[in-house]
Amino acid sequence: MAIDYAIKISLDDEKVKKLEEAGLAGSITDKVIAVPVPQKNKRKFVKAFPTAVLHDDTGEITEFPQEAADGLLETILEHKMIEVIHLFMMKTYKPVAGKEIRRSIHSA
């Protein structure tokens, strides 16, 4: 069965205030915001963040890098919603960055 995951980001008072101003106060529980990561994003997520641990039994993601969590929070504030993992992945995960462009070798 496919399971969706969640990244739990701890918030300080300043971040809580910014999220409340963005209209996301209902998404905050005990100074923590849970960002959903759908199953369809799992493969790219694991490639982009190999240190992150996905727990299939709880649906929680741990060992998510702090600098990535800060970037994810910026994306949430920019779009004023928590379902932004696909937008965040487009910004941060560039699988072909630094690779040489393939050229067609076929002849007519």
PDB file of N, CA and C in Angstrom:
ATOM      1  N   MET A   1       0.843  -1.183   0.000  1.00  0.00           N
ATOM      2  CA  MET A   1       0.000   0.000   0.000  1.00  0.00           C
ATOM      3  C   MET A   1       0.889   1.248   0.000  1.00  0.00           C
ATOM      4  N   ALA A   2       0.551   2.190  -0.813  1.00  0.00           N
ATOM      5  CA  ALA A   2       1.321   3.433  -0.900  1.00  0.00           C
ATOM      6  C   ALA A   2       1.056   4.289   0.326  1.00  0.00           C
ATOM      7  N   ILE A   3       2.126   4.844   0.854  1.00  0.00           N
ATOM      8  CA  ILE A   3       2.004   5.681   2.050  1.00  0.00           C
ATOM      9  C   ILE A   3       2.537   7.068   1.730  1.00  0.00           C
ATOM     10  N   ASP A   4       1.846   8.067   2.218  1.00  0.00           N
ATOM     11  CA  ASP A   4       2.349   9.436   2.106  1.00  0.00           C
ATOM     12  C   ASP A   4       3.171   9.736   3.350  1.00  0.00           C
ATOM     13  N   TYR A   5       4.159  10.570   3.197  1.00  0.00           N
ATOM     14  CA  TYR A   5       5.066  10.905   4.284  1.00  0.00           C
ATOM     15  C   TYR A   5       4.867  12.354   4.713  1.00  0.00           C
ATOM     16  N   ALA A   6       5.507  12.721   5.816  1.00  0.00           N
ATOM     17  CA  ALA A   6       5.439  14.099   6.297  1.00  0.00           C
ATOM     18  C   ALA A   6       6.792  14.507   6.877  1.00  0.00           C
ATOM     19  N   ILE A   7       7.208  15.715   6.518  1.00  0.00           N
ATOM     20  CA  ILE A   7       8.411  16.310   7.097  1.00  0.00           C
ATOM     21  C   ILE A   7       7.930  17.233   8.202  1.00  0.00           C
ATOM     22  N   LYS A   8       8.402  17.000   9.420  1.00  0.00           N
ATOM     23  CA  LYS A   8       8.026  17.862  10.538  1.00  0.00           C
ATOM     24  C   LYS A   8       9.150  18.864  10.781  1.00  0.00           C
ATOM     25  N   ILE A   9       8.793  20.140  10.658  1.00  0.00           N
ATOM     26  CA  ILE A   9       9.778  21.215  10.821  1.00  0.00           C
ATOM     27  C   ILE A   9       9.482  21.952  12.119  1.00  0.00           C
ATOM     28  N   SER A  10      10.475  22.011  13.015  1.00  0.00           N
ATOM     29  CA  SER A  10      10.336  22.756  14.267  1.00  0.00           C
ATOM     30  C   SER A  10      10.447  24.243  13.971  1.00  0.00           C
ATOM     31  N   LEU A  11       9.633  25.017  14.655  1.00  0.00           N
ATOM     32  CA  LEU A  11       9.558  26.452  14.397  1.00  0.00           C
ATOM     33  C   LEU A  11       9.922  27.256  15.640  1.00  0.00           C
ATOM     34  N   ASP A  12      10.610  28.376  15.419  1.00  0.00           N
ATOM     35  CA  ASP A  12      10.824  29.315  16.513  1.00  0.00           C
ATOM     36  C   ASP A  12       9.700  30.356  16.446  1.00  0.00           C
ATOM     37  N   ASP A  13       9.693  31.287  17.390  1.00  0.00           N
ATOM     38  CA  ASP A  13       8.610  32.278  17.459  1.00  0.00           C
ATOM     39  C   ASP A  13       8.519  33.133  16.197  1.00  0.00           C
ATOM     40  N   GLU A  14       9.659  33.472  15.630  1.00  0.00           N
ATOM     41  CA  GLU A  14       9.675  34.306  14.418  1.00  0.00           C
ATOM     42  C   GLU A  14       9.021  33.573  13.233  1.00  0.00           C
ATOM     43  N   LYS A  15       9.360  32.289  13.077  1.00  0.00           N
ATOM     44  CA  LYS A  15       8.784  31.505  11.980  1.00  0.00           C
ATOM     45  C   LYS A  15       7.289  31.277  12.190  1.00  0.00           C
ATOM     46  N   VAL A  16       6.883  31.068  13.447  1.00  0.00           N
ATOM     47  CA  VAL A  16       5.455  30.912  13.747  1.00  0.00           C
ATOM     48  C   VAL A  16       4.703  32.170  13.345  1.00  0.00           C
ATOM     49  N   LYS A  17       5.275  33.318  13.679  1.00  0.00           N
ATOM     50  CA  LYS A  17       4.632  34.591  13.349  1.00  0.00           C
ATOM     51  C   LYS A  17       4.495  34.766  11.839  1.00  0.00           C
ATOM     52  N   LYS A  18       5.547  34.422  11.082  1.00  0.00           N
ATOM     53  CA  LYS A  18       5.508  34.540   9.621  1.00  0.00           C
ATOM     54  C   LYS A  18       4.431  33.617   9.031  1.00  0.00           C
ATOM     55  N   LEU A  19       4.324  32.403   9.560  1.00  0.00           N
ATOM     56  CA  LEU A  19       3.315  31.466   9.065  1.00  0.00           C
ATOM     57  C   LEU A  19       1.903  31.941   9.410  1.00  0.00           C
ATOM     58  N   GLU A  20       1.746  32.511  10.596  1.00  0.00           N
ATOM     59  CA  GLU A  20       0.439  33.055  10.984  1.00  0.00           C
ATOM     60  C   GLU A  20       0.049  34.208  10.069  1.00  0.00           C
ATOM     61  N   GLU A  21       1.013  35.067   9.726  1.00  0.00           N
ATOM     62  CA  GLU A  21       0.760  36.179   8.816  1.00  0.00           C
ATOM     63  C   GLU A  21       0.385  35.680   7.423  1.00  0.00           C
ATOM     64  N   ALA A  22       0.892  34.512   7.045  1.00  0.00           N
ATOM     65  CA  ALA A  22       0.585  33.931   5.737  1.00  0.00           C
ATOM     66  C   ALA A  22      -0.746  33.182   5.746  1.00  0.00           C
ATOM     67  N   GLY A  23      -1.408  33.152   6.914  1.00  0.00           N
ATOM     68  CA  GLY A  23      -2.699  32.476   7.017  1.00  0.00           C
ATOM     69  C   GLY A  23      -2.609  30.987   7.239  1.00  0.00           C
ATOM     70  N   LEU A  24      -1.477  30.516   7.760  1.00  0.00           N
ATOM     71  CA  LEU A  24      -1.268  29.085   7.962  1.00  0.00           C
ATOM     72  C   LEU A  24      -1.231  28.692   9.438  1.00  0.00           C
ATOM     73  N   ALA A  25      -1.855  29.484  10.296  1.00  0.00           N
ATOM     74  CA  ALA A  25      -1.845  29.204  11.734  1.00  0.00           C
ATOM     75  C   ALA A  25      -2.483  27.853  12.046  1.00  0.00           C
ATOM     76  N   GLY A  26      -3.466  27.439  11.273  1.00  0.00           N
ATOM     77  CA  GLY A  26      -4.135  26.159  11.503  1.00  0.00           C
ATOM     78  C   GLY A  26      -3.265  24.953  11.210  1.00  0.00           C
ATOM     79  N   SER A  27      -2.152  25.156  10.516  1.00  0.00           N
ATOM     80  CA  SER A  27      -1.250  24.055  10.174  1.00  0.00           C
ATOM     81  C   SER A  27      -0.152  23.849  11.213  1.00  0.00           C
ATOM     82  N   ILE A  28      -0.102  24.733  12.218  1.00  0.00           N
ATOM     83  CA  ILE A  28       0.948  24.666  13.243  1.00  0.00           C
ATOM     84  C   ILE A  28       0.413  23.939  14.472  1.00  0.00           C
ATOM     85  N   THR A  29       1.169  22.934  14.930  1.00  0.00           N
ATOM     86  CA  THR A  29       0.826  22.200  16.142  1.00  0.00           C
ATOM     87  C   THR A  29       2.054  22.158  17.034  1.00  0.00           C
ATOM     88  N   ASP A  30       1.971  22.749  18.217  1.00  0.00           N
ATOM     89  CA  ASP A  30       3.086  22.753  19.173  1.00  0.00           C
ATOM     90  C   ASP A  30       4.398  23.224  18.540  1.00  0.00           C
ATOM     91  N   LYS A  31       4.358  24.338  17.816  1.00  0.00           N
ATOM     92  CA  LYS A  31       5.526  24.929  17.151  1.00  0.00           C
ATOM     93  C   LYS A  31       6.179  23.969  16.156  1.00  0.00           C
ATOM     94  N   VAL A  32       5.350  23.145  15.518  1.00  0.00           N
ATOM     95  CA  VAL A  32       5.812  22.224  14.484  1.00  0.00           C
ATOM     96  C   VAL A  32       4.825  22.288  13.324  1.00  0.00           C
ATOM     97  N   ILE A  33       5.356  22.299  12.111  1.00  0.00           N
ATOM     98  CA  ILE A  33       4.501  22.227  10.928  1.00  0.00           C
ATOM     99  C   ILE A  33       4.870  20.941  10.180  1.00  0.00           C
ATOM    100  N   ALA A  34       3.854  20.197   9.778  1.00  0.00           N
ATOM    101  CA  ALA A  34       4.061  18.939   9.051  1.00  0.00           C
ATOM    102  C   ALA A  34       3.782  19.186   7.575  1.00  0.00           C
ATOM    103  N   VAL A  35       4.809  19.007   6.754  1.00  0.00           N
ATOM    104  CA  VAL A  35       4.690  19.229   5.316  1.00  0.00           C
ATOM    105  C   VAL A  35       4.510  17.868   4.637  1.00  0.00           C
ATOM    106  N   PRO A  36       3.394  17.678   3.928  1.00  0.00           N
ATOM    107  CA  PRO A  36       3.155  16.379   3.287  1.00  0.00           C
ATOM    108  C   PRO A  36       4.076  16.122   2.098  1.00  0.00           C
ATOM    109  N   VAL A  37       4.529  14.867   1.994  1.00  0.00           N
ATOM    110  CA  VAL A  37       5.328  14.411   0.857  1.00  0.00           C
ATOM    111  C   VAL A  37       4.586  13.216   0.267  1.00  0.00           C
ATOM    112  N   PRO A  38       3.868  13.418  -0.834  1.00  0.00           N
ATOM    113  CA  PRO A  38       3.119  12.316  -1.437  1.00  0.00           C
ATOM    114  C   PRO A  38       4.027  11.186  -1.921  1.00  0.00           C
ATOM    115  N   GLN A  39       3.481   9.997  -1.978  1.00  0.00           N
ATOM    116  CA  GLN A  39       4.215   8.816  -2.432  1.00  0.00           C
ATOM    117  C   GLN A  39       4.817   9.031  -3.824  1.00  0.00           C
ATOM    118  N   LYS A  40       4.107   9.760  -4.682  1.00  0.00           N
ATOM    119  CA  LYS A  40       4.604   9.957  -6.048  1.00  0.00           C
ATOM    120  C   LYS A  40       5.905  10.768  -6.098  1.00  0.00           C
ATOM    121  N   ASN A  41       6.230  11.494  -5.033  1.00  0.00           N
ATOM    122  CA  ASN A  41       7.471  12.271  -4.978  1.00  0.00           C
ATOM    123  C   ASN A  41       8.600  11.536  -4.256  1.00  0.00           C
ATOM    124  N   LYS A  42       8.343  10.317  -3.801  1.00  0.00           N
ATOM    125  CA  LYS A  42       9.310   9.594  -2.966  1.00  0.00           C
ATOM    126  C   LYS A  42      10.641   9.355  -3.686  1.00  0.00           C
ATOM    127  N   ARG A  43      10.607   8.862  -4.917  1.00  0.00           N
ATOM    128  CA  ARG A  43      11.841   8.512  -5.630  1.00  0.00           C
ATOM    129  C   ARG A  43      12.750   9.733  -5.807  1.00  0.00           C
ATOM    130  N   LYS A  44      12.198  10.850  -6.272  1.00  0.00           N
ATOM    131  CA  LYS A  44      13.002  12.063  -6.445  1.00  0.00           C
ATOM    132  C   LYS A  44      13.476  12.598  -5.102  1.00  0.00           C
ATOM    133  N   PHE A  45      12.613  12.506  -4.092  1.00  0.00           N
ATOM    134  CA  PHE A  45      12.966  13.001  -2.767  1.00  0.00           C
ATOM    135  C   PHE A  45      14.177  12.247  -2.216  1.00  0.00           C
ATOM    136  N   VAL A  46      14.163  10.925  -2.345  1.00  0.00           N
ATOM    137  CA  VAL A  46      15.269  10.106  -1.835  1.00  0.00           C
ATOM    138  C   VAL A  46      16.565  10.416  -2.586  1.00  0.00           C
ATOM    139  N   LYS A  47      16.482  10.655  -3.885  1.00  0.00           N
ATOM    140  CA  LYS A  47      17.683  11.009  -4.656  1.00  0.00           C
ATOM    141  C   LYS A  47      18.201  12.388  -4.269  1.00  0.00           C
ATOM    142  N   ALA A  48      17.294  13.327  -4.040  1.00  0.00           N
ATOM    143  CA  ALA A  48      17.698  14.693  -3.703  1.00  0.00           C
ATOM    144  C   ALA A  48      18.260  14.802  -2.293  1.00  0.00           C
ATOM    145  N   PHE A  49      17.709  14.015  -1.364  1.00  0.00           N
ATOM    146  CA  PHE A  49      18.124  14.075   0.045  1.00  0.00           C
ATOM    147  C   PHE A  49      18.452  12.670   0.552  1.00  0.00           C
ATOM    148  N   PRO A  50      19.617  12.146   0.179  1.00  0.00           N
ATOM    149  CA  PRO A  50      19.961  10.767   0.553  1.00  0.00           C
ATOM    150  C   PRO A  50      20.136  10.552   2.055  1.00  0.00           C
ATOM    151  N   THR A  51      20.362  11.615   2.819  1.00  0.00           N
ATOM    152  CA  THR A  51      20.520  11.444   4.265  1.00  0.00           C
ATOM    153  C   THR A  51      19.179  11.362   4.991  1.00  0.00           C
ATOM    154  N   ALA A  52      18.109  11.786   4.330  1.00  0.00           N
ATOM    155  CA  ALA A  52      16.782  11.744   4.954  1.00  0.00           C
ATOM    156  C   ALA A  52      16.326  10.297   5.083  1.00  0.00           C
ATOM    157  N   VAL A  53      15.688   9.995   6.219  1.00  0.00           N
ATOM    158  CA  VAL A  53      15.206   8.646   6.490  1.00  0.00           C
ATOM    159  C   VAL A  53      13.684   8.657   6.437  1.00  0.00           C
ATOM    160  N   LEU A  54      13.111   7.812   5.564  1.00  0.00           N
ATOM    161  CA  LEU A  54      11.665   7.702   5.431  1.00  0.00           C
ATOM    162  C   LEU A  54      11.193   6.487   6.211  1.00  0.00           C
ATOM    163  N   HIS A  55      10.342   6.723   7.193  1.00  0.00           N
ATOM    164  CA  HIS A  55       9.834   5.646   8.041  1.00  0.00           C
ATOM    165  C   HIS A  55       8.479   5.192   7.499  1.00  0.00           C
ATOM    166  N   ASP A  56       8.466   3.990   6.907  1.00  0.00           N
ATOM    167  CA  ASP A  56       7.227   3.478   6.330  1.00  0.00           C
ATOM    168  C   ASP A  56       6.158   3.193   7.377  1.00  0.00           C
ATOM    169  N   ASP A  57       6.559   2.843   8.592  1.00  0.00           N
ATOM    170  CA  ASP A  57       5.581   2.506   9.634  1.00  0.00           C
ATOM    171  C   ASP A  57       4.859   3.734  10.190  1.00  0.00           C
ATOM    172  N   THR A  58       5.548   4.885  10.279  1.00  0.00           N
ATOM    173  CA  THR A  58       4.928   6.083  10.844  1.00  0.00           C
ATOM    174  C   THR A  58       4.606   7.147   9.794  1.00  0.00           C
ATOM    175  N   GLY A  59       5.235   7.044   8.615  1.00  0.00           N
ATOM    176  CA  GLY A  59       5.035   8.050   7.584  1.00  0.00           C
ATOM    177  C   GLY A  59       5.829   9.320   7.838  1.00  0.00           C
ATOM    178  N   GLU A  60       6.760   9.245   8.771  1.00  0.00           N
ATOM    179  CA  GLU A  60       7.553  10.413   9.133  1.00  0.00           C
ATOM    180  C   GLU A  60       8.894  10.396   8.399  1.00  0.00           C
ATOM    181  N   ILE A  61       9.406  11.590   8.122  1.00  0.00           N
ATOM    182  CA  ILE A  61      10.729  11.734   7.520  1.00  0.00           C
ATOM    183  C   ILE A  61      11.628  12.398   8.551  1.00  0.00           C
ATOM    184  N   THR A  62      12.741  11.747   8.865  1.00  0.00           N
ATOM    185  CA  THR A  62      13.700  12.301   9.821  1.00  0.00           C
ATOM    186  C   THR A  62      15.036  12.515   9.114  1.00  0.00           C
ATOM    187  N   GLU A  63      15.955  13.164   9.798  1.00  0.00           N
ATOM    188  CA  GLU A  63      17.294  13.469   9.275  1.00  0.00           C
ATOM    189  C   GLU A  63      17.221  14.344   8.023  1.00  0.00           C
ATOM    190  N   PHE A  64      16.188  15.189   7.937  1.00  0.00           N
ATOM    191  CA  PHE A  64      16.062  16.124   6.822  1.00  0.00           C
ATOM    192  C   PHE A  64      16.997  17.288   7.100  1.00  0.00           C
ATOM    193  N   PRO A  65      17.875  17.649   6.155  1.00  0.00           N
ATOM    194  CA  PRO A  65      18.868  18.707   6.405  1.00  0.00           C
ATOM    195  C   PRO A  65      18.227  20.044   6.782  1.00  0.00           C
ATOM    196  N   GLN A  66      18.816  20.731   7.748  1.00  0.00           N
ATOM    197  CA  GLN A  66      18.264  21.995   8.239  1.00  0.00           C
ATOM    198  C   GLN A  66      18.206  23.064   7.149  1.00  0.00           C
ATOM    199  N   GLU A  67      19.257  23.148   6.314  1.00  0.00           N
ATOM    200  CA  GLU A  67      19.232  24.156   5.252  1.00  0.00           C
ATOM    201  C   GLU A  67      18.112  23.873   4.243  1.00  0.00           C
ATOM    202  N   ALA A  68      17.815  22.608   4.014  1.00  0.00           N
ATOM    203  CA  ALA A  68      16.698  22.250   3.132  1.00  0.00           C
ATOM    204  C   ALA A  68      15.372  22.585   3.806  1.00  0.00           C
ATOM    205  N   ALA A  69      15.287  22.371   5.112  1.00  0.00           N
ATOM    206  CA  ALA A  69      14.068  22.715   5.851  1.00  0.00           C
ATOM    207  C   ALA A  69      13.813  24.220   5.790  1.00  0.00           C
ATOM    208  N   ASP A  70      14.872  25.010   5.877  1.00  0.00           N
ATOM    209  CA  ASP A  70      14.722  26.465   5.761  1.00  0.00           C
ATOM    210  C   ASP A  70      14.218  26.850   4.372  1.00  0.00           C
ATOM    211  N   GLY A  71      14.754  26.212   3.345  1.00  0.00           N
ATOM    212  CA  GLY A  71      14.305  26.477   1.978  1.00  0.00           C
ATOM    213  C   GLY A  71      12.862  26.050   1.758  1.00  0.00           C
ATOM    214  N   LEU A  72      12.485  24.933   2.363  1.00  0.00           N
ATOM    215  CA  LEU A  72      11.102  24.452   2.263  1.00  0.00           C
ATOM    216  C   LEU A  72      10.153  25.430   2.942  1.00  0.00           C
ATOM    217  N   LEU A  73      10.561  25.944   4.085  1.00  0.00           N
ATOM    218  CA  LEU A  73       9.744  26.931   4.801  1.00  0.00           C
ATOM    219  C   LEU A  73       9.589  28.209   3.974  1.00  0.00           C
ATOM    220  N   GLU A  74      10.645  28.629   3.298  1.00  0.00           N
ATOM    221  CA  GLU A  74      10.560  29.804   2.412  1.00  0.00           C
ATOM    222  C   GLU A  74       9.556  29.560   1.284  1.00  0.00           C
ATOM    223  N   THR A  75       9.560  28.349   0.725  1.00  0.00           N
ATOM    224  CA  THR A  75       8.621  28.008  -0.346  1.00  0.00           C
ATOM    225  C   THR A  75       7.188  28.019   0.179  1.00  0.00           C
ATOM    226  N   ILE A  76       6.991  27.531   1.397  1.00  0.00           N
ATOM    227  CA  ILE A  76       5.664  27.541   2.021  1.00  0.00           C
ATOM    228  C   ILE A  76       5.180  28.976   2.187  1.00  0.00           C
ATOM    229  N   LEU A  77       6.045  29.832   2.684  1.00  0.00           N
ATOM    230  CA  LEU A  77       5.671  31.237   2.892  1.00  0.00           C
ATOM    231  C   LEU A  77       5.416  31.953   1.561  1.00  0.00           C
ATOM    232  N   GLU A  78       6.181  31.607   0.559  1.00  0.00           N
ATOM    233  CA  GLU A  78       6.020  32.233  -0.756  1.00  0.00           C
ATOM    234  C   GLU A  78       4.666  31.890  -1.386  1.00  0.00           C
ATOM    235  N   HIS A  79       4.251  30.626  -1.242  1.00  0.00           N
ATOM    236  CA  HIS A  79       3.008  30.168  -1.883  1.00  0.00           C
ATOM    237  C   HIS A  79       1.805  30.139  -0.936  1.00  0.00           C
ATOM    238  N   LYS A  80       2.055  30.392   0.349  1.00  0.00           N
ATOM    239  CA  LYS A  80       0.999  30.450   1.369  1.00  0.00           C
ATOM    240  C   LYS A  80       0.151  29.175   1.441  1.00  0.00           C
ATOM    241  N   MET A  81       0.833  28.018   1.341  1.00  0.00           N
ATOM    242  CA  MET A  81       0.193  26.718   1.509  1.00  0.00           C
ATOM    243  C   MET A  81       1.273  25.706   1.868  1.00  0.00           C
ATOM    244  N   ILE A  82       0.857  24.573   2.474  1.00  0.00           N
ATOM    245  CA  ILE A  82       1.868  23.596   2.883  1.00  0.00           C
ATOM    246  C   ILE A  82       2.080  22.484   1.860  1.00  0.00           C
ATOM    247  N   GLU A  83       1.219  22.368   0.882  1.00  0.00           N
ATOM    248  CA  GLU A  83       1.374  21.335  -0.148  1.00  0.00           C
ATOM    249  C   GLU A  83       2.289  21.853  -1.264  1.00  0.00           C
ATOM    250  N   VAL A  84       3.557  22.054  -0.934  1.00  0.00           N
ATOM    251  CA  VAL A  84       4.486  22.670  -1.884  1.00  0.00           C
ATOM    252  C   VAL A  84       5.704  21.805  -2.183  1.00  0.00           C
ATOM    253  N   ILE A  85       5.684  20.537  -1.788  1.00  0.00           N
ATOM    254  CA  ILE A  85       6.883  19.722  -1.959  1.00  0.00           C
ATOM    255  C   ILE A  85       7.270  19.611  -3.437  1.00  0.00           C
ATOM    256  N   HIS A  86       6.287  19.544  -4.339  1.00  0.00           N
ATOM    257  CA  HIS A  86       6.611  19.445  -5.764  1.00  0.00           C
ATOM    258  C   HIS A  86       7.288  20.732  -6.259  1.00  0.00           C
ATOM    259  N   LEU A  87       6.863  21.878  -5.765  1.00  0.00           N
ATOM    260  CA  LEU A  87       7.500  23.147  -6.144  1.00  0.00           C
ATOM    261  C   LEU A  87       8.902  23.241  -5.558  1.00  0.00           C
ATOM    262  N   PHE A  88       9.041  22.807  -4.310  1.00  0.00           N
ATOM    263  CA  PHE A  88      10.342  22.815  -3.641  1.00  0.00           C
ATOM    264  C   PHE A  88      11.323  21.892  -4.366  1.00  0.00           C
ATOM    265  N   MET A  89      10.843  20.723  -4.791  1.00  0.00           N
ATOM    266  CA  MET A  89      11.712  19.775  -5.489  1.00  0.00           C
ATOM    267  C   MET A  89      12.161  20.338  -6.846  1.00  0.00           C
ATOM    268  N   MET A  90      11.273  21.051  -7.530  1.00  0.00           N
ATOM    269  CA  MET A  90      11.659  21.651  -8.816  1.00  0.00           C
ATOM    270  C   MET A  90      12.760  22.685  -8.614  1.00  0.00           C
ATOM    271  N   LYS A  91      12.719  23.397  -7.481  1.00  0.00           N
ATOM    272  CA  LYS A  91      13.740  24.406  -7.192  1.00  0.00           C
ATOM    273  C   LYS A  91      15.073  23.788  -6.798  1.00  0.00           C
ATOM    274  N   THR A  92      15.028  22.739  -5.982  1.00  0.00           N
ATOM    275  CA  THR A  92      16.253  22.224  -5.378  1.00  0.00           C
ATOM    276  C   THR A  92      16.860  21.018  -6.063  1.00  0.00           C
ATOM    277  N   TYR A  93      16.047  20.175  -6.660  1.00  0.00           N
ATOM    278  CA  TYR A  93      16.563  18.931  -7.232  1.00  0.00           C
ATOM    279  C   TYR A  93      16.779  19.098  -8.727  1.00  0.00           C
ATOM    280  N   LYS A  94      18.029  19.175  -9.118  1.00  0.00           N
ATOM    281  CA  LYS A  94      18.394  19.324 -10.524  1.00  0.00           C
ATOM    282  C   LYS A  94      19.243  18.112 -10.919  1.00  0.00           C
ATOM    283  N   PRO A  95      18.601  17.022 -11.369  1.00  0.00           N
ATOM    284  CA  PRO A  95      19.344  15.782 -11.625  1.00  0.00           C
ATOM    285  C   PRO A  95      20.380  15.882 -12.731  1.00  0.00           C
ATOM    286  N   VAL A  96      20.235  16.807 -13.653  1.00  0.00           N
ATOM    287  CA  VAL A  96      21.200  16.909 -14.743  1.00  0.00           C
ATOM    288  C   VAL A  96      22.135  18.103 -14.605  1.00  0.00           C
ATOM    289  N   ALA A  97      22.096  18.776 -13.482  1.00  0.00           N
ATOM    290  CA  ALA A  97      22.968  19.928 -13.270  1.00  0.00           C
ATOM    291  C   ALA A  97      24.430  19.482 -13.308  1.00  0.00           C
ATOM    292  N   GLY A  98      25.223  20.158 -14.093  1.00  0.00           N
ATOM    293  CA  GLY A  98      26.646  19.849 -14.176  1.00  0.00           C
ATOM    294  C   GLY A  98      26.985  18.737 -15.146  1.00  0.00           C
ATOM    295  N   LYS A  99      25.977  18.085 -15.728  1.00  0.00           N
ATOM    296  CA  LYS A  99      26.255  17.020 -16.687  1.00  0.00           C
ATOM    297  C   LYS A  99      26.292  17.614 -18.084  1.00  0.00           C
ATOM    298  N   GLU A 100      27.081  16.993 -18.921  1.00  0.00           N
ATOM    299  CA  GLU A 100      27.175  17.455 -20.287  1.00  0.00           C
ATOM    300  C   GLU A 100      25.902  17.085 -21.049  1.00  0.00           C
ATOM    301  N   ILE A 101      25.491  17.948 -21.939  1.00  0.00           N
ATOM    302  CA  ILE A 101      24.280  17.715 -22.722  1.00  0.00           C
ATOM    303  C   ILE A 101      24.540  16.584 -23.716  1.00  0.00           C
ATOM    304  N   ARG A 102      23.606  15.658 -23.781  1.00  0.00           N
ATOM    305  CA  ARG A 102      23.741  14.556 -24.729  1.00  0.00           C
ATOM    306  C   ARG A 102      23.450  15.062 -26.137  1.00  0.00           C
ATOM    307  N   ARG A 103      24.185  14.541 -27.074  1.00  0.00           N
ATOM    308  CA  ARG A 103      23.969  14.933 -28.453  1.00  0.00           C
ATOM    309  C   ARG A 103      23.579  13.700 -29.254  1.00  0.00           C
ATOM    310  N   SER A 104      22.677  13.892 -30.178  1.00  0.00           N
ATOM    311  CA  SER A 104      22.222  12.799 -31.029  1.00  0.00           C
ATOM    312  C   SER A 104      23.344  12.408 -31.980  1.00  0.00           C
ATOM    313  N   ILE A 105      23.572  11.113 -32.139  1.00  0.00           N
ATOM    314  CA  ILE A 105      24.636  10.636 -33.007  1.00  0.00           C
ATOM    315  C   ILE A 105      24.068   9.956 -34.252  1.00  0.00           C
ATOM    316  N   HIS A 106      22.781  10.016 -34.387  1.00  0.00           N
ATOM    317  CA  HIS A 106      22.143   9.348 -35.532  1.00  0.00           C
ATOM    318  C   HIS A 106      22.425  10.115 -36.808  1.00  0.00           C
ATOM    319  N   SER A 107      22.630   9.382 -37.870  1.00  0.00           N
ATOM    320  CA  SER A 107      22.837  10.031 -39.170  1.00  0.00           C
ATOM    321  C   SER A 107      21.661   9.689 -40.081  1.00  0.00           C
ATOM    322  N   ALA A 108      21.389  10.549 -40.992  1.00  0.00           N
ATOM    323  CA  ALA A 108      20.230  10.359 -41.864  1.00  0.00           C
ATOM    324  C   ALA A 108      20.519   9.434 -43.001  1.00  0.00           C
TER     325      ALA A 108
END
